Amino acid sequence: MSVGQKRSEIKYGMNVGIVLKEDQASGYITYGVVQKILTNSPTHPHGIKVRLMSGEVGRVKEIVK
């Protein structure tokens, strides 16, 4: 299981890199701070879906330390 696939890894206020729906083909990563966790299940194979403070929604691909 890779980074961003476990809901327990993601916390509000955390810096993350997400892939937006329109960027799935290119894999372009958008960075921001988690405002809300949208995925209810404990894991997801494509990454946990979150909303950033900027309002953008996507799946977590990396956690910024």
PDB file of N, CA and C in Angstrom:
ATOM      1  N   MET A   1       0.855  -1.182   0.000  1.00  0.00           N
ATOM      2  CA  MET A   1       0.000   0.000   0.000  1.00  0.00           C
ATOM      3  C   MET A   1       0.898   1.242   0.000  1.00  0.00           C
ATOM      4  N   SER A   2       0.670   2.152  -0.952  1.00  0.00           N
ATOM      5  CA  SER A   2       1.545   3.329  -1.047  1.00  0.00           C
ATOM      6  C   SER A   2       0.971   4.524  -0.283  1.00  0.00           C
ATOM      7  N   VAL A   3       1.718   5.603  -0.270  1.00  0.00           N
ATOM      8  CA  VAL A   3       1.360   6.819   0.472  1.00  0.00           C
ATOM      9  C   VAL A   3       0.000   7.358   0.021  1.00  0.00           C
ATOM     10  N   GLY A   4      -0.810   7.752   0.991  1.00  0.00           N
ATOM     11  CA  GLY A   4      -2.083   8.389   0.686  1.00  0.00           C
ATOM     12  C   GLY A   4      -3.250   7.448   0.506  1.00  0.00           C
ATOM     13  N   GLN A   5      -3.014   6.130   0.648  1.00  0.00           N
ATOM     14  CA  GLN A   5      -4.094   5.167   0.451  1.00  0.00           C
ATOM     15  C   GLN A   5      -4.805   4.793   1.747  1.00  0.00           C
ATOM     16  N   LYS A   6      -4.225   5.167   2.889  1.00  0.00           N
ATOM     17  CA  LYS A   6      -4.840   4.849   4.183  1.00  0.00           C
ATOM     18  C   LYS A   6      -5.411   6.126   4.799  1.00  0.00           C
ATOM     19  N   ARG A   7      -6.689   6.092   5.146  1.00  0.00           N
ATOM     20  CA  ARG A   7      -7.364   7.259   5.716  1.00  0.00           C
ATOM     21  C   ARG A   7      -6.707   7.684   7.036  1.00  0.00           C
ATOM     22  N   SER A   8      -6.197   6.707   7.794  1.00  0.00           N
ATOM     23  CA  SER A   8      -5.584   6.992   9.093  1.00  0.00           C
ATOM     24  C   SER A   8      -4.304   7.825   8.963  1.00  0.00           C
ATOM     25  N   GLU A   9      -3.674   7.844   7.773  1.00  0.00           N
ATOM     26  CA  GLU A   9      -2.448   8.623   7.539  1.00  0.00           C
ATOM     27  C   GLU A   9      -2.739  10.108   7.333  1.00  0.00           C
ATOM     28  N   ILE A  10      -3.978  10.422   6.936  1.00  0.00           N
ATOM     29  CA  ILE A  10      -4.333  11.786   6.542  1.00  0.00           C
ATOM     30  C   ILE A  10      -4.998  12.506   7.709  1.00  0.00           C
ATOM     31  N   LYS A  11      -4.515  13.706   8.006  1.00  0.00           N
ATOM     32  CA  LYS A  11      -5.071  14.505   9.103  1.00  0.00           C
ATOM     33  C   LYS A  11      -5.422  15.897   8.586  1.00  0.00           C
ATOM     34  N   TYR A  12      -6.410  16.524   9.234  1.00  0.00           N
ATOM     35  CA  TYR A  12      -6.771  17.896   8.884  1.00  0.00           C
ATOM     36  C   TYR A  12      -5.580  18.818   9.133  1.00  0.00           C
ATOM     37  N   GLY A  13      -5.366  19.786   8.251  1.00  0.00           N
ATOM     38  CA  GLY A  13      -4.279  20.734   8.409  1.00  0.00           C
ATOM     39  C   GLY A  13      -2.932  20.245   7.911  1.00  0.00           C
ATOM     40  N   MET A  14      -2.893  19.031   7.362  1.00  0.00           N
ATOM     41  CA  MET A  14      -1.652  18.430   6.879  1.00  0.00           C
ATOM     42  C   MET A  14      -1.329  18.943   5.469  1.00  0.00           C
ATOM     43  N   ASN A  15      -0.042  19.122   5.175  1.00  0.00           N
ATOM     44  CA  ASN A  15       0.378  19.481   3.817  1.00  0.00           C
ATOM     45  C   ASN A  15       0.458  18.214   2.974  1.00  0.00           C
ATOM     46  N   VAL A  16      -0.244  18.220   1.832  1.00  0.00           N
ATOM     47  CA  VAL A  16      -0.267  17.045   0.959  1.00  0.00           C
ATOM     48  C   VAL A  16      -0.150  17.457  -0.511  1.00  0.00           C
ATOM     49  N   GLY A  17       0.163  16.475  -1.339  1.00  0.00           N
ATOM     50  CA  GLY A  17       0.137  16.632  -2.785  1.00  0.00           C
ATOM     51  C   GLY A  17      -0.992  15.772  -3.319  1.00  0.00           C
ATOM     52  N   ILE A  18      -1.890  16.383  -4.112  1.00  0.00           N
ATOM     53  CA  ILE A  18      -3.026  15.641  -4.669  1.00  0.00           C
ATOM     54  C   ILE A  18      -3.013  15.704  -6.187  1.00  0.00           C
ATOM     55  N   VAL A  19      -3.708  14.757  -6.803  1.00  0.00           N
ATOM     56  CA  VAL A  19      -3.943  14.803  -8.248  1.00  0.00           C
ATOM     57  C   VAL A  19      -5.412  15.128  -8.449  1.00  0.00           C
ATOM     58  N   LEU A  20      -5.675  16.251  -9.124  1.00  0.00           N
ATOM     59  CA  LEU A  20      -7.039  16.659  -9.436  1.00  0.00           C
ATOM     60  C   LEU A  20      -7.593  15.769 -10.532  1.00  0.00           C
ATOM     61  N   LYS A  21      -8.926  15.683 -10.622  1.00  0.00           N
ATOM     62  CA  LYS A  21      -9.583  14.848 -11.637  1.00  0.00           C
ATOM     63  C   LYS A  21      -9.055  15.179 -13.045  1.00  0.00           C
ATOM     64  N   GLU A  22      -8.972  16.482 -13.361  1.00  0.00           N
ATOM     65  CA  GLU A  22      -8.545  16.889 -14.705  1.00  0.00           C
ATOM     66  C   GLU A  22      -7.052  16.647 -14.950  1.00  0.00           C
ATOM     67  N   ASP A  23      -6.294  16.364 -13.883  1.00  0.00           N
ATOM     68  CA  ASP A  23      -4.854  16.112 -14.018  1.00  0.00           C
ATOM     69  C   ASP A  23      -4.492  14.632 -13.944  1.00  0.00           C
ATOM     70  N   GLN A  24      -5.492  13.750 -13.901  1.00  0.00           N
ATOM     71  CA  GLN A  24      -5.209  12.314 -13.760  1.00  0.00           C
ATOM     72  C   GLN A  24      -4.378  11.770 -14.917  1.00  0.00           C
ATOM     73  N   ALA A  25      -4.638  12.245 -16.129  1.00  0.00           N
ATOM     74  CA  ALA A  25      -3.892  11.744 -17.294  1.00  0.00           C
ATOM     75  C   ALA A  25      -2.422  12.142 -17.224  1.00  0.00           C
ATOM     76  N   SER A  26      -2.144  13.396 -16.823  1.00  0.00           N
ATOM     77  CA  SER A  26      -0.764  13.885 -16.777  1.00  0.00           C
ATOM     78  C   SER A  26      -0.069  13.523 -15.463  1.00  0.00           C
ATOM     79  N   GLY A  27      -0.855  13.306 -14.398  1.00  0.00           N
ATOM     80  CA  GLY A  27      -0.289  13.002 -13.095  1.00  0.00           C
ATOM     81  C   GLY A  27       0.240  14.233 -12.374  1.00  0.00           C
ATOM     82  N   TYR A  28      -0.131  15.444 -12.863  1.00  0.00           N
ATOM     83  CA  TYR A  28       0.322  16.693 -12.249  1.00  0.00           C
ATOM     84  C   TYR A  28      -0.155  16.777 -10.802  1.00  0.00           C
ATOM     85  N   ILE A  29       0.743  17.123  -9.903  1.00  0.00           N
ATOM     86  CA  ILE A  29       0.422  17.166  -8.472  1.00  0.00           C
ATOM     87  C   ILE A  29       0.231  18.610  -8.013  1.00  0.00           C
ATOM     88  N   THR A  30      -0.874  18.838  -7.309  1.00  0.00           N
ATOM     89  CA  THR A  30      -1.200  20.137  -6.716  1.00  0.00           C
ATOM     90  C   THR A  30      -0.975  20.023  -5.210  1.00  0.00           C
ATOM     91  N   TYR A  31      -0.297  21.006  -4.631  1.00  0.00           N
ATOM     92  CA  TYR A  31       0.014  20.963  -3.207  1.00  0.00           C
ATOM     93  C   TYR A  31      -0.880  21.905  -2.420  1.00  0.00           C
ATOM     94  N   GLY A  32      -1.212  21.504  -1.192  1.00  0.00           N
ATOM     95  CA  GLY A  32      -2.031  22.346  -0.339  1.00  0.00           C
ATOM     96  C   GLY A  32      -2.246  21.712   1.017  1.00  0.00           C
ATOM     97  N   VAL A  33      -3.146  22.331   1.789  1.00  0.00           N
ATOM     98  CA  VAL A  33      -3.430  21.907   3.156  1.00  0.00           C
ATOM     99  C   VAL A  33      -4.819  21.276   3.204  1.00  0.00           C
ATOM    100  N   VAL A  34      -4.932  20.111   3.854  1.00  0.00           N
ATOM    101  CA  VAL A  34      -6.196  19.378   3.933  1.00  0.00           C
ATOM    102  C   VAL A  34      -7.226  20.164   4.755  1.00  0.00           C
ATOM    103  N   GLN A  35      -8.372  20.426   4.124  1.00  0.00           N
ATOM    104  CA  GLN A  35      -9.491  21.059   4.821  1.00  0.00           C
ATOM    105  C   GLN A  35     -10.492  20.002   5.272  1.00  0.00           C
ATOM    106  N   LYS A  36     -10.750  19.010   4.390  1.00  0.00           N
ATOM    107  CA  LYS A  36     -11.742  17.982   4.694  1.00  0.00           C
ATOM    108  C   LYS A  36     -11.344  16.674   4.034  1.00  0.00           C
ATOM    109  N   ILE A  37     -11.577  15.565   4.725  1.00  0.00           N
ATOM    110  CA  ILE A  37     -11.348  14.228   4.161  1.00  0.00           C
ATOM    111  C   ILE A  37     -12.684  13.743   3.620  1.00  0.00           C
ATOM    112  N   LEU A  38     -12.723  13.429   2.317  1.00  0.00           N
ATOM    113  CA  LEU A  38     -13.984  13.083   1.661  1.00  0.00           C
ATOM    114  C   LEU A  38     -14.226  11.580   1.540  1.00  0.00           C
ATOM    115  N   THR A  39     -13.165  10.768   1.589  1.00  0.00           N
ATOM    116  CA  THR A  39     -13.311   9.314   1.502  1.00  0.00           C
ATOM    117  C   THR A  39     -13.704   8.767   2.872  1.00  0.00           C
ATOM    118  N   ASN A  40     -14.764   7.958   2.919  1.00  0.00           N
ATOM    119  CA  ASN A  40     -15.221   7.384   4.184  1.00  0.00           C
ATOM    120  C   ASN A  40     -14.563   6.058   4.522  1.00  0.00           C
ATOM    121  N   SER A  41     -14.197   5.279   3.493  1.00  0.00           N
ATOM    122  CA  SER A  41     -13.617   3.959   3.756  1.00  0.00           C
ATOM    123  C   SER A  41     -12.191   4.104   4.310  1.00  0.00           C
ATOM    124  N   PRO A  42     -11.708   3.097   5.069  1.00  0.00           N
ATOM    125  CA  PRO A  42     -10.373   3.202   5.682  1.00  0.00           C
ATOM    126  C   PRO A  42      -9.223   3.227   4.677  1.00  0.00           C
ATOM    127  N   THR A  43      -9.425   2.631   3.485  1.00  0.00           N
ATOM    128  CA  THR A  43      -8.386   2.649   2.442  1.00  0.00           C
ATOM    129  C   THR A  43      -9.040   2.877   1.082  1.00  0.00           C
ATOM    130  N   HIS A  44      -8.223   3.321   0.118  1.00  0.00           N
ATOM    131  CA  HIS A  44      -8.689   3.453  -1.268  1.00  0.00           C
ATOM    132  C   HIS A  44      -7.492   3.239  -2.180  1.00  0.00           C
ATOM    133  N   PRO A  45      -7.630   2.379  -3.211  1.00  0.00           N
ATOM    134  CA  PRO A  45      -6.477   2.036  -4.061  1.00  0.00           C
ATOM    135  C   PRO A  45      -5.896   3.214  -4.851  1.00  0.00           C
ATOM    136  N   HIS A  46      -6.698   4.249  -5.136  1.00  0.00           N
ATOM    137  CA  HIS A  46      -6.209   5.395  -5.913  1.00  0.00           C
ATOM    138  C   HIS A  46      -5.849   6.589  -5.037  1.00  0.00           C
ATOM    139  N   GLY A  47      -5.960   6.428  -3.727  1.00  0.00           N
ATOM    140  CA  GLY A  47      -5.644   7.518  -2.807  1.00  0.00           C
ATOM    141  C   GLY A  47      -6.900   8.054  -2.142  1.00  0.00           C
ATOM    142  N   ILE A  48      -6.750   8.569  -0.945  1.00  0.00           N
ATOM    143  CA  ILE A  48      -7.868   9.128  -0.185  1.00  0.00           C
ATOM    144  C   ILE A  48      -8.245  10.477  -0.799  1.00  0.00           C
ATOM    145  N   LYS A  49      -9.534  10.693  -1.040  1.00  0.00           N
ATOM    146  CA  LYS A  49      -9.996  11.946  -1.635  1.00  0.00           C
ATOM    147  C   LYS A  49     -10.151  12.997  -0.539  1.00  0.00           C
ATOM    148  N   VAL A  50      -9.567  14.180  -0.795  1.00  0.00           N
ATOM    149  CA  VAL A  50      -9.625  15.283   0.168  1.00  0.00           C
ATOM    150  C   VAL A  50      -9.971  16.598  -0.535  1.00  0.00           C
ATOM    151  N   ARG A  51     -10.433  17.559   0.270  1.00  0.00           N
ATOM    152  CA  ARG A  51     -10.601  18.939  -0.211  1.00  0.00           C
ATOM    153  C   ARG A  51      -9.529  19.769   0.459  1.00  0.00           C
ATOM    154  N   LEU A  52      -8.819  20.560  -0.339  1.00  0.00           N
ATOM    155  CA  LEU A  52      -7.791  21.441   0.199  1.00  0.00           C
ATOM    156  C   LEU A  52      -8.418  22.754   0.664  1.00  0.00           C
ATOM    157  N   MET A  53      -7.668  23.539   1.423  1.00  0.00           N
ATOM    158  CA  MET A  53      -8.133  24.857   1.889  1.00  0.00           C
ATOM    159  C   MET A  53      -8.505  25.747   0.701  1.00  0.00           C
ATOM    160  N   SER A  54      -7.864  25.516  -0.450  1.00  0.00           N
ATOM    161  CA  SER A  54      -8.130  26.302  -1.662  1.00  0.00           C
ATOM    162  C   SER A  54      -9.452  25.914  -2.317  1.00  0.00           C
ATOM    163  N   GLY A  55     -10.073  24.807  -1.841  1.00  0.00           N
ATOM    164  CA  GLY A  55     -11.331  24.336  -2.421  1.00  0.00           C
ATOM    165  C   GLY A  55     -11.146  23.246  -3.467  1.00  0.00           C
ATOM    166  N   GLU A  56      -9.891  22.978  -3.846  1.00  0.00           N
ATOM    167  CA  GLU A  56      -9.620  21.944  -4.855  1.00  0.00           C
ATOM    168  C   GLU A  56      -9.798  20.560  -4.235  1.00  0.00           C
ATOM    169  N   VAL A  57     -10.340  19.627  -5.063  1.00  0.00           N
ATOM    170  CA  VAL A  57     -10.603  18.263  -4.604  1.00  0.00           C
ATOM    171  C   VAL A  57      -9.793  17.287  -5.446  1.00  0.00           C
ATOM    172  N   GLY A  58      -9.137  16.349  -4.766  1.00  0.00           N
ATOM    173  CA  GLY A  58      -8.366  15.343  -5.480  1.00  0.00           C
ATOM    174  C   GLY A  58      -7.938  14.228  -4.543  1.00  0.00           C
ATOM    175  N   ARG A  59      -7.187  13.276  -5.101  1.00  0.00           N
ATOM    176  CA  ARG A  59      -6.735  12.129  -4.325  1.00  0.00           C
ATOM    177  C   ARG A  59      -5.284  12.313  -3.898  1.00  0.00           C
ATOM    178  N   VAL A  60      -5.011  11.995  -2.628  1.00  0.00           N
ATOM    179  CA  VAL A  60      -3.669  12.192  -2.058  1.00  0.00           C
ATOM    180  C   VAL A  60      -2.672  11.247  -2.712  1.00  0.00           C
ATOM    181  N   LYS A  61      -1.575  11.824  -3.206  1.00  0.00           N
ATOM    182  CA  LYS A  61      -0.494  11.058  -3.807  1.00  0.00           C
ATOM    183  C   LYS A  61       0.780  11.144  -2.988  1.00  0.00           C
ATOM    184  N   GLU A  62       0.925  12.224  -2.222  1.00  0.00           N
ATOM    185  CA  GLU A  62       2.077  12.319  -1.337  1.00  0.00           C
ATOM    186  C   GLU A  62       1.758  13.176  -0.127  1.00  0.00           C
ATOM    187  N   ILE A  63       2.474  12.884   0.960  1.00  0.00           N
ATOM    188  CA  ILE A  63       2.341  13.654   2.195  1.00  0.00           C
ATOM    189  C   ILE A  63       3.628  14.453   2.341  1.00  0.00           C
ATOM    190  N   VAL A  64       3.504  15.780   2.443  1.00  0.00           N
ATOM    191  CA  VAL A  64       4.652  16.662   2.548  1.00  0.00           C
ATOM    192  C   VAL A  64       5.051  16.781   4.017  1.00  0.00           C
ATOM    193  N   LYS A  65       6.298  16.437   4.311  1.00  0.00           N
ATOM    194  CA  LYS A  65       6.780  16.467   5.707  1.00  0.00           C
ATOM    195  C   LYS A  65       7.211  17.863   6.091  1.00  0.00           C
TER     196      LYS A  65
END
